[in-house]
Amino acid sequence: AEHWKEAMGAKEMVEKTKKNAEEGDVDAICNLALWYWDGSFGLVQNVEEAYKWFKKAADLKDTRGVAMAAWCLVAGCGVEKNASYGMVLTMSAAERGSDVACY
């Protein structure tokens, strides 16, 4: 019974986060992207869907989104590999103070 309660709580959280992400909430967008990346909170791991949300955050000028979209492009993970554009985004995110981009 406890596992079911946790699963239902996670489902509600994911639904609320998706709604907020679709409305442009950058924190929700980044959370959703990471949950798809990891397959967290009952979501099936899907790197293509993760990239889609990272890119949406990047398009909204979110530093986390820029850094993670860049990583996906450099590695060709969830998107066709484009290392040169990925490195441009990595430098942009690093200039904005991204720890991920500096790594």
PDB file of N, CA and C in Angstrom:
ATOM      1  N   ALA A   1       0.819  -1.189   0.000  1.00  0.00           N
ATOM      2  CA  ALA A   1       0.000   0.000   0.000  1.00  0.00           C
ATOM      3  C   ALA A   1       0.869   1.262   0.000  1.00  0.00           C
ATOM      4  N   GLU A   2       1.971   1.215   0.731  1.00  0.00           N
ATOM      5  CA  GLU A   2       2.864   2.382   0.802  1.00  0.00           C
ATOM      6  C   GLU A   2       3.491   2.667  -0.569  1.00  0.00           C
ATOM      7  N   HIS A   3       3.876   1.604  -1.272  1.00  0.00           N
ATOM      8  CA  HIS A   3       4.475   1.769  -2.611  1.00  0.00           C
ATOM      9  C   HIS A   3       3.462   2.409  -3.565  1.00  0.00           C
ATOM     10  N   TRP A   4       2.201   2.010  -3.457  1.00  0.00           N
ATOM     11  CA  TRP A   4       1.162   2.566  -4.305  1.00  0.00           C
ATOM     12  C   TRP A   4       0.990   4.054  -4.023  1.00  0.00           C
ATOM     13  N   LYS A   5       1.005   4.431  -2.750  1.00  0.00           N
ATOM     14  CA  LYS A   5       0.876   5.846  -2.382  1.00  0.00           C
ATOM     15  C   LYS A   5       2.028   6.665  -2.958  1.00  0.00           C
ATOM     16  N   GLU A   6       3.238   6.108  -2.873  1.00  0.00           N
ATOM     17  CA  GLU A   6       4.405   6.804  -3.423  1.00  0.00           C
ATOM     18  C   GLU A   6       4.277   6.959  -4.931  1.00  0.00           C
ATOM     19  N   ALA A   7       3.821   5.893  -5.588  1.00  0.00           N
ATOM     20  CA  ALA A   7       3.663   5.941  -7.045  1.00  0.00           C
ATOM     21  C   ALA A   7       2.622   6.975  -7.444  1.00  0.00           C
ATOM     22  N   MET A   8       1.532   7.050  -6.715  1.00  0.00           N
ATOM     23  CA  MET A   8       0.485   8.028  -7.022  1.00  0.00           C
ATOM     24  C   MET A   8       0.978   9.449  -6.766  1.00  0.00           C
ATOM     25  N   GLY A   9       1.754   9.627  -5.697  1.00  0.00           N
ATOM     26  CA  GLY A   9       2.335  10.938  -5.420  1.00  0.00           C
ATOM     27  C   GLY A   9       3.279  11.363  -6.520  1.00  0.00           C
ATOM     28  N   ALA A  10       4.094  10.430  -7.006  1.00  0.00           N
ATOM     29  CA  ALA A  10       5.026  10.730  -8.095  1.00  0.00           C
ATOM     30  C   ALA A  10       4.262  11.069  -9.369  1.00  0.00           C
ATOM     31  N   LYS A  11       3.193  10.333  -9.636  1.00  0.00           N
ATOM     32  CA  LYS A  11       2.406  10.590 -10.845  1.00  0.00           C
ATOM     33  C   LYS A  11       1.811  11.993 -10.809  1.00  0.00           C
ATOM     34  N   GLU A  12       1.256  12.371  -9.672  1.00  0.00           N
ATOM     35  CA  GLU A  12       0.678  13.709  -9.534  1.00  0.00           C
ATOM     36  C   GLU A  12       1.750  14.794  -9.691  1.00  0.00           C
ATOM     37  N   MET A  13       2.925  14.547  -9.114  1.00  0.00           N
ATOM     38  CA  MET A  13       4.015  15.511  -9.213  1.00  0.00           C
ATOM     39  C   MET A  13       4.456  15.672 -10.677  1.00  0.00           C
ATOM     40  N   VAL A  14       4.575  14.552 -11.391  1.00  0.00           N
ATOM     41  CA  VAL A  14       4.979  14.607 -12.802  1.00  0.00           C
ATOM     42  C   VAL A  14       3.929  15.356 -13.621  1.00  0.00           C
ATOM     43  N   GLU A  15       2.659  15.067 -13.382  1.00  0.00           N
ATOM     44  CA  GLU A  15       1.594  15.750 -14.129  1.00  0.00           C
ATOM     45  C   GLU A  15       1.618  17.256 -13.873  1.00  0.00           C
ATOM     46  N   LYS A  16       1.796  17.650 -12.618  1.00  0.00           N
ATOM     47  CA  LYS A  16       1.856  19.077 -12.291  1.00  0.00           C
ATOM     48  C   LYS A  16       3.092  19.721 -12.929  1.00  0.00           C
ATOM     49  N   THR A  17       4.215  19.030 -12.876  1.00  0.00           N
ATOM     50  CA  THR A  17       5.446  19.552 -13.467  1.00  0.00           C
ATOM     51  C   THR A  17       5.308  19.685 -14.973  1.00  0.00           C
ATOM     52  N   LYS A  18       4.703  18.692 -15.634  1.00  0.00           N
ATOM     53  CA  LYS A  18       4.485  18.778 -17.088  1.00  0.00           C
ATOM     54  C   LYS A  18       3.626  19.986 -17.428  1.00  0.00           C
ATOM     55  N   LYS A  19       2.557  20.179 -16.664  1.00  0.00           N
ATOM     56  CA  LYS A  19       1.667  21.324 -16.906  1.00  0.00           C
ATOM     57  C   LYS A  19       2.444  22.633 -16.777  1.00  0.00           C
ATOM     58  N   ASN A  20       3.224  22.745 -15.707  1.00  0.00           N
ATOM     59  CA  ASN A  20       4.015  23.963 -15.495  1.00  0.00           C
ATOM     60  C   ASN A  20       5.063  24.141 -16.589  1.00  0.00           C
ATOM     61  N   ALA A  21       5.678  23.045 -17.003  1.00  0.00           N
ATOM     62  CA  ALA A  21       6.690  23.112 -18.067  1.00  0.00           C
ATOM     63  C   ALA A  21       6.060  23.587 -19.368  1.00  0.00           C
ATOM     64  N   GLU A  22       4.896  23.045 -19.693  1.00  0.00           N
ATOM     65  CA  GLU A  22       4.206  23.454 -20.919  1.00  0.00           C
ATOM     66  C   GLU A  22       3.806  24.925 -20.880  1.00  0.00           C
ATOM     67  N   GLU A  23       3.665  25.478 -19.673  1.00  0.00           N
ATOM     68  CA  GLU A  23       3.328  26.898 -19.519  1.00  0.00           C
ATOM     69  C   GLU A  23       4.574  27.785 -19.476  1.00  0.00           C
ATOM     70  N   GLY A  24       5.775  27.181 -19.599  1.00  0.00           N
ATOM     71  CA  GLY A  24       6.999  27.960 -19.684  1.00  0.00           C
ATOM     72  C   GLY A  24       7.783  28.118 -18.394  1.00  0.00           C
ATOM     73  N   ASP A  25       7.418  27.400 -17.339  1.00  0.00           N
ATOM     74  CA  ASP A  25       8.158  27.451 -16.071  1.00  0.00           C
ATOM     75  C   ASP A  25       9.507  26.748 -16.269  1.00  0.00           C
ATOM     76  N   VAL A  26      10.582  27.523 -16.260  1.00  0.00           N
ATOM     77  CA  VAL A  26      11.907  26.983 -16.585  1.00  0.00           C
ATOM     78  C   VAL A  26      12.368  25.939 -15.572  1.00  0.00           C
ATOM     79  N   ASP A  27      12.081  26.132 -14.299  1.00  0.00           N
ATOM     80  CA  ASP A  27      12.461  25.118 -13.311  1.00  0.00           C
ATOM     81  C   ASP A  27      11.748  23.805 -13.594  1.00  0.00           C
ATOM     82  N   ALA A  28      10.470  23.872 -13.933  1.00  0.00           N
ATOM     83  CA  ALA A  28       9.707  22.670 -14.274  1.00  0.00           C
ATOM     84  C   ALA A  28      10.253  22.029 -15.543  1.00  0.00           C
ATOM     85  N   ILE A  29      10.615  22.844 -16.515  1.00  0.00           N
ATOM     86  CA  ILE A  29      11.181  22.329 -17.768  1.00  0.00           C
ATOM     87  C   ILE A  29      12.466  21.545 -17.483  1.00  0.00           C
ATOM     88  N   CYS A  30      13.354  22.123 -16.698  1.00  0.00           N
ATOM     89  CA  CYS A  30      14.624  21.460 -16.382  1.00  0.00           C
ATOM     90  C   CYS A  30      14.401  20.186 -15.568  1.00  0.00           C
ATOM     91  N   ASN A  31      13.487  20.246 -14.591  1.00  0.00           N
ATOM     92  CA  ASN A  31      13.185  19.045 -13.810  1.00  0.00           C
ATOM     93  C   ASN A  31      12.659  17.937 -14.703  1.00  0.00           C
ATOM     94  N   LEU A  32      11.719  18.260 -15.560  1.00  0.00           N
ATOM     95  CA  LEU A  32      11.139  17.263 -16.449  1.00  0.00           C
ATOM     96  C   LEU A  32      12.202  16.664 -17.365  1.00  0.00           C
ATOM     97  N   ALA A  33      13.062  17.512 -17.896  1.00  0.00           N
ATOM     98  CA  ALA A  33      14.148  17.026 -18.754  1.00  0.00           C
ATOM     99  C   ALA A  33      15.034  16.036 -17.997  1.00  0.00           C
ATOM    100  N   LEU A  34      15.403  16.389 -16.790  1.00  0.00           N
ATOM    101  CA  LEU A  34      16.256  15.498 -15.996  1.00  0.00           C
ATOM    102  C   LEU A  34      15.530  14.208 -15.643  1.00  0.00           C
ATOM    103  N   TRP A  35      14.254  14.262 -15.366  1.00  0.00           N
ATOM    104  CA  TRP A  35      13.495  13.048 -15.042  1.00  0.00           C
ATOM    105  C   TRP A  35      13.414  12.126 -16.250  1.00  0.00           C
ATOM    106  N   TYR A  36      13.235  12.689 -17.449  1.00  0.00           N
ATOM    107  CA  TYR A  36      13.262  11.855 -18.658  1.00  0.00           C
ATOM    108  C   TYR A  36      14.662  11.292 -18.879  1.00  0.00           C
ATOM    109  N   TRP A  37      15.658  12.096 -18.613  1.00  0.00           N
ATOM    110  CA  TRP A  37      17.052  11.661 -18.796  1.00  0.00           C
ATOM    111  C   TRP A  37      17.354  10.428 -17.942  1.00  0.00           C
ATOM    112  N   ASP A  38      16.911  10.482 -16.677  1.00  0.00           N
ATOM    113  CA  ASP A  38      17.187   9.404 -15.726  1.00  0.00           C
ATOM    114  C   ASP A  38      16.123   8.322 -15.680  1.00  0.00           C
ATOM    115  N   GLY A  39      14.948   8.621 -16.202  1.00  0.00           N
ATOM    116  CA  GLY A  39      13.830   7.700 -16.028  1.00  0.00           C
ATOM    117  C   GLY A  39      13.321   7.738 -14.597  1.00  0.00           C
ATOM    118  N   SER A  40      13.222   8.934 -14.043  1.00  0.00           N
ATOM    119  CA  SER A  40      12.819   9.119 -12.651  1.00  0.00           C
ATOM    120  C   SER A  40      11.316   9.315 -12.514  1.00  0.00           C
ATOM    121  N   PHE A  41      10.823   9.094 -11.306  1.00  0.00           N
ATOM    122  CA  PHE A  41       9.440   9.369 -10.921  1.00  0.00           C
ATOM    123  C   PHE A  41       8.418   8.697 -11.837  1.00  0.00           C
ATOM    124  N   GLY A  42       8.739   7.480 -12.239  1.00  0.00           N
ATOM    125  CA  GLY A  42       7.813   6.690 -13.043  1.00  0.00           C
ATOM    126  C   GLY A  42       7.873   6.961 -14.534  1.00  0.00           C
ATOM    127  N   LEU A  43       8.665   7.936 -14.961  1.00  0.00           N
ATOM    128  CA  LEU A  43       8.817   8.186 -16.397  1.00  0.00           C
ATOM    129  C   LEU A  43       9.793   7.172 -16.982  1.00  0.00           C
ATOM    130  N   VAL A  44       9.500   6.726 -18.187  1.00  0.00           N
ATOM    131  CA  VAL A  44      10.415   5.836 -18.897  1.00  0.00           C
ATOM    132  C   VAL A  44      11.591   6.680 -19.385  1.00  0.00           C
ATOM    133  N   GLN A  45      12.801   6.180 -19.203  1.00  0.00           N
ATOM    134  CA  GLN A  45      13.971   6.925 -19.668  1.00  0.00           C
ATOM    135  C   GLN A  45      13.846   7.160 -21.164  1.00  0.00           C
ATOM    136  N   ASN A  46      14.026   8.412 -21.569  1.00  0.00           N
ATOM    137  CA  ASN A  46      13.854   8.792 -22.965  1.00  0.00           C
ATOM    138  C   ASN A  46      14.743  10.008 -23.226  1.00  0.00           C
ATOM    139  N   VAL A  47      15.931   9.757 -23.776  1.00  0.00           N
ATOM    140  CA  VAL A  47      16.888  10.858 -23.963  1.00  0.00           C
ATOM    141  C   VAL A  47      16.442  11.826 -25.053  1.00  0.00           C
ATOM    142  N   GLU A  48      15.652  11.349 -26.016  1.00  0.00           N
ATOM    143  CA  GLU A  48      15.131  12.264 -27.040  1.00  0.00           C
ATOM    144  C   GLU A  48      14.167  13.265 -26.409  1.00  0.00           C
ATOM    145  N   GLU A  49      13.297  12.768 -25.538  1.00  0.00           N
ATOM    146  CA  GLU A  49      12.353  13.655 -24.845  1.00  0.00           C
ATOM    147  C   GLU A  49      13.108  14.590 -23.902  1.00  0.00           C
ATOM    148  N   ALA A  50      14.148  14.072 -23.252  1.00  0.00           N
ATOM    149  CA  ALA A  50      14.966  14.903 -22.369  1.00  0.00           C
ATOM    150  C   ALA A  50      15.590  16.054 -23.159  1.00  0.00           C
ATOM    151  N   TYR A  51      16.180  15.726 -24.314  1.00  0.00           N
ATOM    152  CA  TYR A  51      16.794  16.777 -25.126  1.00  0.00           C
ATOM    153  C   TYR A  51      15.763  17.826 -25.522  1.00  0.00           C
ATOM    154  N   LYS A  52      14.566  17.381 -25.906  1.00  0.00           N
ATOM    155  CA  LYS A  52      13.510  18.319 -26.304  1.00  0.00           C
ATOM    156  C   LYS A  52      13.262  19.346 -25.198  1.00  0.00           C
ATOM    157  N   TRP A  53      13.210  18.890 -23.952  1.00  0.00           N
ATOM    158  CA  TRP A  53      12.952  19.798 -22.836  1.00  0.00           C
ATOM    159  C   TRP A  53      14.189  20.629 -22.499  1.00  0.00           C
ATOM    160  N   PHE A  54      15.389  20.037 -22.593  1.00  0.00           N
ATOM    161  CA  PHE A  54      16.610  20.833 -22.387  1.00  0.00           C
ATOM    162  C   PHE A  54      16.670  21.959 -23.409  1.00  0.00           C
ATOM    163  N   LYS A  55      16.346  21.648 -24.662  1.00  0.00           N
ATOM    164  CA  LYS A  55      16.385  22.660 -25.717  1.00  0.00           C
ATOM    165  C   LYS A  55      15.357  23.757 -25.437  1.00  0.00           C
ATOM    166  N   LYS A  56      14.181  23.370 -24.957  1.00  0.00           N
ATOM    167  CA  LYS A  56      13.162  24.377 -24.632  1.00  0.00           C
ATOM    168  C   LYS A  56      13.694  25.323 -23.556  1.00  0.00           C
ATOM    169  N   ALA A  57      14.361  24.764 -22.530  1.00  0.00           N
ATOM    170  CA  ALA A  57      14.959  25.609 -21.487  1.00  0.00           C
ATOM    171  C   ALA A  57      16.052  26.494 -22.075  1.00  0.00           C
ATOM    172  N   ALA A  58      16.854  25.938 -22.970  1.00  0.00           N
ATOM    173  CA  ALA A  58      17.920  26.713 -23.616  1.00  0.00           C
ATOM    174  C   ALA A  58      17.331  27.850 -24.444  1.00  0.00           C
ATOM    175  N   ASP A  59      16.241  27.565 -25.154  1.00  0.00           N
ATOM    176  CA  ASP A  59      15.589  28.600 -25.958  1.00  0.00           C
ATOM    177  C   ASP A  59      15.065  29.742 -25.089  1.00  0.00           C
ATOM    178  N   LEU A  60      14.772  29.414 -23.819  1.00  0.00           N
ATOM    179  CA  LEU A  60      14.327  30.430 -22.870  1.00  0.00           C
ATOM    180  C   LEU A  60      15.508  31.082 -22.133  1.00  0.00           C
ATOM    181  N   LYS A  61      16.725  30.799 -22.624  1.00  0.00           N
ATOM    182  CA  LYS A  61      17.974  31.381 -22.098  1.00  0.00           C
ATOM    183  C   LYS A  61      18.333  30.895 -20.698  1.00  0.00           C
ATOM    184  N   ASP A  62      17.838  29.708 -20.311  1.00  0.00           N
ATOM    185  CA  ASP A  62      18.187  29.137 -19.018  1.00  0.00           C
ATOM    186  C   ASP A  62      19.567  28.486 -19.112  1.00  0.00           C
ATOM    187  N   THR A  63      20.463  28.851 -18.221  1.00  0.00           N
ATOM    188  CA  THR A  63      21.840  28.368 -18.268  1.00  0.00           C
ATOM    189  C   THR A  63      21.911  26.847 -18.159  1.00  0.00           C
ATOM    190  N   ARG A  64      21.109  26.256 -17.267  1.00  0.00           N
ATOM    191  CA  ARG A  64      21.111  24.787 -17.138  1.00  0.00           C
ATOM    192  C   ARG A  64      20.685  24.132 -18.436  1.00  0.00           C
ATOM    193  N   GLY A  65      19.655  24.683 -19.040  1.00  0.00           N
ATOM    194  CA  GLY A  65      19.173  24.138 -20.307  1.00  0.00           C
ATOM    195  C   GLY A  65      20.198  24.254 -21.414  1.00  0.00           C
ATOM    196  N   VAL A  66      20.866  25.400 -21.476  1.00  0.00           N
ATOM    197  CA  VAL A  66      21.913  25.595 -22.489  1.00  0.00           C
ATOM    198  C   VAL A  66      23.023  24.563 -22.294  1.00  0.00           C
ATOM    199  N   ALA A  67      23.469  24.379 -21.061  1.00  0.00           N
ATOM    200  CA  ALA A  67      24.565  23.445 -20.784  1.00  0.00           C
ATOM    201  C   ALA A  67      24.188  22.007 -21.125  1.00  0.00           C
ATOM    202  N   MET A  68      22.994  21.590 -20.742  1.00  0.00           N
ATOM    203  CA  MET A  68      22.595  20.208 -20.996  1.00  0.00           C
ATOM    204  C   MET A  68      22.275  19.964 -22.467  1.00  0.00           C
ATOM    205  N   ALA A  69      21.671  20.943 -23.140  1.00  0.00           N
ATOM    206  CA  ALA A  69      21.435  20.810 -24.579  1.00  0.00           C
ATOM    207  C   ALA A  69      22.769  20.718 -25.306  1.00  0.00           C
ATOM    208  N   ALA A  70      23.735  21.501 -24.852  1.00  0.00           N
ATOM    209  CA  ALA A  70      25.076  21.459 -25.443  1.00  0.00           C
ATOM    210  C   ALA A  70      25.698  20.079 -25.285  1.00  0.00           C
ATOM    211  N   TRP A  71      25.591  19.529 -24.086  1.00  0.00           N
ATOM    212  CA  TRP A  71      26.163  18.198 -23.836  1.00  0.00           C
ATOM    213  C   TRP A  71      25.523  17.166 -24.761  1.00  0.00           C
ATOM    214  N   CYS A  72      24.199  17.238 -24.910  1.00  0.00           N
ATOM    215  CA  CYS A  72      23.494  16.307 -25.793  1.00  0.00           C
ATOM    216  C   CYS A  72      23.993  16.435 -27.232  1.00  0.00           C
ATOM    217  N   LEU A  73      24.172  17.664 -27.682  1.00  0.00           N
ATOM    218  CA  LEU A  73      24.645  17.889 -29.055  1.00  0.00           C
ATOM    219  C   LEU A  73      26.071  17.378 -29.249  1.00  0.00           C
ATOM    220  N   VAL A  74      26.929  17.626 -28.295  1.00  0.00           N
ATOM    221  CA  VAL A  74      28.324  17.171 -28.407  1.00  0.00           C
ATOM    222  C   VAL A  74      28.384  15.643 -28.437  1.00  0.00           C
ATOM    223  N   ALA A  75      27.584  15.001 -27.590  1.00  0.00           N
ATOM    224  CA  ALA A  75      27.610  13.540 -27.485  1.00  0.00           C
ATOM    225  C   ALA A  75      26.688  12.848 -28.488  1.00  0.00           C
ATOM    226  N   GLY A  76      25.793  13.599 -29.112  1.00  0.00           N
ATOM    227  CA  GLY A  76      24.815  12.981 -29.992  1.00  0.00           C
ATOM    228  C   GLY A  76      23.829  12.127 -29.211  1.00  0.00           C
ATOM    229  N   CYS A  77      23.465  12.594 -28.057  1.00  0.00           N
ATOM    230  CA  CYS A  77      22.583  11.849 -27.160  1.00  0.00           C
ATOM    231  C   CYS A  77      21.185  12.465 -27.170  1.00  0.00           C
ATOM    232  N   GLY A  78      20.243  11.786 -27.798  1.00  0.00           N
ATOM    233  CA  GLY A  78      18.880  12.289 -27.879  1.00  0.00           C
ATOM    234  C   GLY A  78      18.647  13.221 -29.050  1.00  0.00           C
ATOM    235  N   VAL A  79      19.704  13.486 -29.777  1.00  0.00           N
ATOM    236  CA  VAL A  79      19.649  14.410 -30.913  1.00  0.00           C
ATOM    237  C   VAL A  79      20.811  14.055 -31.844  1.00  0.00           C
ATOM    238  N   GLU A  80      20.684  14.418 -33.108  1.00  0.00           N
ATOM    239  CA  GLU A  80      21.792  14.173 -34.028  1.00  0.00           C
ATOM    240  C   GLU A  80      23.030  14.937 -33.548  1.00  0.00           C
ATOM    241  N   LYS A  81      24.148  14.262 -33.571  1.00  0.00           N
ATOM    242  CA  LYS A  81      25.398  14.859 -33.083  1.00  0.00           C
ATOM    243  C   LYS A  81      25.762  16.097 -33.902  1.00  0.00           C
ATOM    244  N   ASN A  82      26.092  17.159 -33.176  1.00  0.00           N
ATOM    245  CA  ASN A  82      26.556  18.398 -33.792  1.00  0.00           C
ATOM    246  C   ASN A  82      27.545  19.022 -32.807  1.00  0.00           C
ATOM    247  N   ALA A  83      28.756  18.477 -32.816  1.00  0.00           N
ATOM    248  CA  ALA A  83      29.758  18.863 -31.822  1.00  0.00           C
ATOM    249  C   ALA A  83      30.126  20.339 -31.917  1.00  0.00           C
ATOM    250  N   SER A  84      30.192  20.887 -33.115  1.00  0.00           N
ATOM    251  CA  SER A  84      30.609  22.292 -33.228  1.00  0.00           C
ATOM    252  C   SER A  84      29.568  23.216 -32.600  1.00  0.00           C
ATOM    253  N   TYR A  85      28.284  23.004 -32.885  1.00  0.00           N
ATOM    254  CA  TYR A  85      27.254  23.843 -32.274  1.00  0.00           C
ATOM    255  C   TYR A  85      27.164  23.563 -30.777  1.00  0.00           C
ATOM    256  N   GLY A  86      27.341  22.301 -30.401  1.00  0.00           N
ATOM    257  CA  GLY A  86      27.336  21.948 -28.989  1.00  0.00           C
ATOM    258  C   GLY A  86      28.428  22.676 -28.220  1.00  0.00           C
ATOM    259  N   MET A  87      29.599  22.816 -28.831  1.00  0.00           N
ATOM    260  CA  MET A  87      30.697  23.527 -28.163  1.00  0.00           C
ATOM    261  C   MET A  87      30.409  25.023 -28.061  1.00  0.00           C
ATOM    262  N   VAL A  88      29.748  25.584 -29.056  1.00  0.00           N
ATOM    263  CA  VAL A  88      29.351  26.996 -28.980  1.00  0.00           C
ATOM    264  C   VAL A  88      28.413  27.192 -27.790  1.00  0.00           C
ATOM    265  N   LEU A  89      27.434  26.289 -27.666  1.00  0.00           N
ATOM    266  CA  LEU A  89      26.516  26.384 -26.532  1.00  0.00           C
ATOM    267  C   LEU A  89      27.229  26.146 -25.207  1.00  0.00           C
ATOM    268  N   THR A  90      28.185  25.215 -25.198  1.00  0.00           N
ATOM    269  CA  THR A  90      28.946  24.941 -23.974  1.00  0.00           C
ATOM    270  C   THR A  90      29.678  26.200 -23.518  1.00  0.00           C
ATOM    271  N   MET A  91      30.313  26.892 -24.455  1.00  0.00           N
ATOM    272  CA  MET A  91      31.031  28.122 -24.103  1.00  0.00           C
ATOM    273  C   MET A  91      30.061  29.184 -23.592  1.00  0.00           C
ATOM    274  N   SER A  92      28.891  29.266 -24.205  1.00  0.00           N
ATOM    275  CA  SER A  92      27.883  30.231 -23.761  1.00  0.00           C
ATOM    276  C   SER A  92      27.440  29.929 -22.333  1.00  0.00           C
ATOM    277  N   ALA A  93      27.191  28.649 -22.052  1.00  0.00           N
ATOM    278  CA  ALA A  93      26.770  28.259 -20.705  1.00  0.00           C
ATOM    279  C   ALA A  93      27.890  28.491 -19.694  1.00  0.00           C
ATOM    280  N   ALA A  94      29.131  28.215 -20.081  1.00  0.00           N
ATOM    281  CA  ALA A  94      30.264  28.436 -19.184  1.00  0.00           C
ATOM    282  C   ALA A  94      30.410  29.920 -18.854  1.00  0.00           C
ATOM    283  N   GLU A  95      30.232  30.768 -19.859  1.00  0.00           N
ATOM    284  CA  GLU A  95      30.307  32.210 -19.627  1.00  0.00           C
ATOM    285  C   GLU A  95      29.231  32.682 -18.652  1.00  0.00           C
ATOM    286  N   ARG A  96      28.117  31.952 -18.604  1.00  0.00           N
ATOM    287  CA  ARG A  96      27.019  32.289 -17.697  1.00  0.00           C
ATOM    288  C   ARG A  96      27.195  31.649 -16.322  1.00  0.00           C
ATOM    289  N   GLY A  97      28.301  30.900 -16.143  1.00  0.00           N
ATOM    290  CA  GLY A  97      28.599  30.342 -14.843  1.00  0.00           C
ATOM    291  C   GLY A  97      28.165  28.901 -14.627  1.00  0.00           C
ATOM    292  N   SER A  98      27.876  28.177 -15.686  1.00  0.00           N
ATOM    293  CA  SER A  98      27.429  26.789 -15.552  1.00  0.00           C
ATOM    294  C   SER A  98      28.577  25.871 -15.120  1.00  0.00           C
ATOM    295  N   ASP A  99      28.380  25.176 -14.009  1.00  0.00           N
ATOM    296  CA  ASP A  99      29.364  24.173 -13.581  1.00  0.00           C
ATOM    297  C   ASP A  99      29.425  23.024 -14.570  1.00  0.00           C
ATOM    298  N   VAL A 100      28.268  22.632 -15.104  1.00  0.00           N
ATOM    299  CA  VAL A 100      28.212  21.529 -16.070  1.00  0.00           C
ATOM    300  C   VAL A 100      29.041  21.870 -17.299  1.00  0.00           C
ATOM    301  N   ALA A 101      28.896  23.084 -17.804  1.00  0.00           N
ATOM    302  CA  ALA A 101      29.633  23.487 -18.996  1.00  0.00           C
ATOM    303  C   ALA A 101      31.125  23.582 -18.739  1.00  0.00           C
ATOM    304  N   CYS A 102      31.499  23.937 -17.542  1.00  0.00           N
ATOM    305  CA  CYS A 102      32.924  24.049 -17.215  1.00  0.00           C
ATOM    306  C   CYS A 102      33.572  22.682 -17.047  1.00  0.00           C
ATOM    307  N   TYR A 103      32.764  21.667 -16.800  1.00  0.00           N
ATOM    308  CA  TYR A 103      33.273  20.313 -16.608  1.00  0.00           C
ATOM    309  C   TYR A 103      33.735  19.781 -17.923  1.00  0.00           C
TER     310      TYR A 103
END
